[in-house]
C-alpha atoms as a PDB file:
ATOM      1  CA  MET A   1       0.373  -0.123   0.136  1.00  0.00           C
ATOM      2  CA  ASN A   2       1.135   3.120  -1.308  1.00  0.00           C
ATOM      3  CA  TRP A   3      -0.148   6.089   1.181  1.00  0.00           C
ATOM      4  CA  HIS A   4       1.933   8.343  -0.939  1.00  0.00           C
ATOM      5  CA  SER A   5      -0.748   7.672  -3.919  1.00  0.00           C
ATOM      6  CA  TRP A   6      -4.360   9.292  -4.481  1.00  0.00           C
ATOM      7  CA  GLN A   7      -4.790   5.453  -5.687  1.00  0.00           C
ATOM      8  CA  VAL A   8      -8.142   4.266  -3.402  1.00  0.00           C
ATOM      9  CA  PRO A   9      -7.048   1.404  -1.247  1.00  0.00           C
ATOM     10  CA  ASP A  10      -7.631  -2.248  -2.358  1.00  0.00           C
ATOM     11  CA  MET A  11     -10.070  -2.934   0.727  1.00  0.00           C
ATOM     12  CA  GLN A  12     -13.156  -4.277   1.565  1.00  0.00           C
ATOM     13  CA  VAL A  13     -15.009   0.007   2.915  1.00  0.00           C
ATOM     14  CA  ASN A  14     -18.643  -2.092   4.795  1.00  0.00           C
ATOM     15  CA  THR A  15     -20.695   1.536   3.308  1.00  0.00           C
ATOM     16  CA  ALA A  16     -24.054  -0.192   4.969  1.00  0.00           C
ATOM     17  CA  PRO A  17     -26.616   1.113   5.900  1.00  0.00           C
ATOM     18  CA  TRP A  18     -25.729   3.216   1.783  1.00  0.00           C
ATOM     19  CA  SER A  19     -24.778   0.556  -0.592  1.00  0.00           C
ATOM     20  CA  VAL A  20     -21.736   3.054  -2.023  1.00  0.00           C
ATOM     21  CA  TYR A  21     -19.953   5.884  -1.173  1.00  0.00           C
ATOM     22  CA  THR A  22     -20.253   9.431  -2.184  1.00  0.00           C
ATOM     23  CA  LEU A  23     -17.347  11.208  -0.328  1.00  0.00           C
ATOM     24  CA  TRP A  24     -14.789   9.340   1.444  1.00  0.00           C
ATOM     25  CA  GLN A  25     -11.754  10.370   3.381  1.00  0.00           C
ATOM     26  CA  PHE A  26      -9.046   8.688   4.459  1.00  0.00           C
ATOM     27  CA  ALA A  27      -6.107   8.642   6.115  1.00  0.00           C
ATOM     28  CA  GLY A  28      -1.794   7.188   6.241  1.00  0.00           C
ATOM     29  CA  ASP A  29       1.942   7.967   7.630  1.00  0.00           C
ATOM     30  CA  ASP A  30       1.332  11.567   8.096  1.00  0.00           C
ATOM     31  CA  GLU A  31      -1.207  12.519   4.892  1.00  0.00           C
ATOM     32  CA  ASP A  32      -5.409  12.562   5.336  1.00  0.00           C
ATOM     33  CA  ARG A  33      -7.204  12.233   1.081  1.00  0.00           C
ATOM     34  CA  SER A  34     -10.846  13.158   0.435  1.00  0.00           C
ATOM     35  CA  ILE A  35     -12.120  11.018  -2.357  1.00  0.00           C
ATOM     36  CA  ALA A  36     -15.496  11.733  -4.250  1.00  0.00           C
ATOM     37  CA  THR A  37     -17.227   9.840  -6.545  1.00  0.00           C
ATOM     38  CA  VAL A  38     -18.705  12.513  -8.194  1.00  0.00           C
ATOM     39  CA  ASP A  39     -19.597  14.249 -11.367  1.00  0.00           C
ATOM     40  CA  ARG A  40     -20.497  18.297 -11.305  1.00  0.00           C
ATOM     41  CA  ASP A  41     -23.988  17.679 -11.656  1.00  0.00           C
ATOM     42  CA  GLY A  42     -23.729  15.963  -8.866  1.00  0.00           C
ATOM     43  CA  TRP A  43     -21.423  17.654  -6.160  1.00  0.00           C
ATOM     44  CA  GLN A  44     -23.804  20.648  -7.015  1.00  0.00           C
ATOM     45  CA  ARG A  45     -26.990  18.154  -6.252  1.00  0.00           C
ATOM     46  CA  LEU A  46     -24.959  17.549  -2.818  1.00  0.00           C
ATOM     47  CA  ASP A  47     -23.213  21.337  -2.494  1.00  0.00           C
ATOM     48  CA  ASN A  48     -27.634  22.919  -2.388  1.00  0.00           C
ATOM     49  CA  PRO A  49     -29.997  19.200  -2.709  1.00  0.00           C
ATOM     50  CA  THR A  50     -32.779  21.497  -3.136  1.00  0.00           C
ATOM     51  CA  GLY A  51     -31.593  23.802  -5.811  1.00  0.00           C
ATOM     52  CA  GLN A  52     -34.028  26.217  -4.757  1.00  0.00           C
ATOM     53  CA  ALA A  53     -31.465  30.277  -5.514  1.00  0.00           C
ATOM     54  CA  SER A  54     -30.209  31.730  -2.646  1.00  0.00           C
END
Protein backbone atom coordinates (compact mmCIF):
# COMPACT_ATOMS: atom_id res chain seq x y z
CA MET A 1 0.00 0.00 0.00
CA ASN A 2 1.42 3.34 -1.06
CA TRP A 3 -0.05 5.93 1.30
CA HIS A 4 1.56 8.72 -0.75
CA SER A 5 -0.65 7.95 -3.75
CA TRP A 6 -4.14 9.05 -4.81
CA GLN A 7 -4.97 5.48 -5.77
CA VAL A 8 -7.91 4.20 -3.72
CA PRO A 9 -6.68 1.48 -1.35
CA ASP A 10 -7.72 -2.06 -2.28
CA MET A 11 -9.65 -2.81 0.88
CA GLN A 12 -13.14 -3.78 1.92
CA VAL A 13 -15.13 -0.78 3.14
CA ASN A 14 -18.51 -1.18 4.79
CA THR A 15 -20.81 1.53 3.44
CA ALA A 16 -23.96 0.26 5.20
CA PRO A 17 -26.68 1.38 5.23
CA TRP A 18 -25.78 2.87 1.82
CA SER A 19 -24.85 0.77 -1.21
CA VAL A 20 -21.90 3.00 -2.26
CA TYR A 21 -19.90 5.91 -0.90
CA THR A 22 -20.02 9.44 -2.31
CA LEU A 23 -17.30 11.03 -0.20
CA TRP A 24 -14.56 9.07 1.51
CA GLN A 25 -11.71 10.33 3.65
CA PHE A 26 -8.86 8.04 4.60
CA ALA A 27 -5.51 8.61 6.23
CA GLY A 28 -2.18 6.91 6.35
CA ASP A 29 1.28 7.84 7.47
CA ASP A 30 1.07 11.61 7.96
CA GLU A 31 -1.29 12.35 5.05
CA ASP A 32 -5.07 12.57 4.61
CA ARG A 33 -6.95 11.84 1.41
CA SER A 34 -10.50 12.74 0.39
CA ILE A 35 -12.17 11.17 -2.62
CA ALA A 36 -15.51 12.16 -4.16
CA THR A 37 -17.20 9.77 -6.59
CA VAL A 38 -19.54 12.33 -8.15
CA ASP A 39 -19.55 14.32 -11.36
CA ARG A 40 -20.14 18.08 -11.59
CA ASP A 41 -23.95 17.71 -11.42
CA GLY A 42 -23.70 15.40 -8.41
CA TRP A 43 -21.41 17.84 -6.62
CA GLN A 44 -23.88 20.67 -7.27
CA ARG A 45 -26.72 18.54 -5.85
CA LEU A 46 -24.64 17.93 -2.72
CA ASP A 47 -23.98 21.66 -2.45
CA ASN A 48 -27.61 22.65 -3.05
CA PRO A 49 -29.92 19.61 -2.69
CA THR A 50 -33.18 21.58 -3.06
CA GLY A 51 -32.08 23.54 -6.13
CA GLN A 52 -33.38 26.72 -4.49
CA ALA A 53 -31.64 30.00 -5.28
CA SER A 54 -30.06 31.54 -2.21
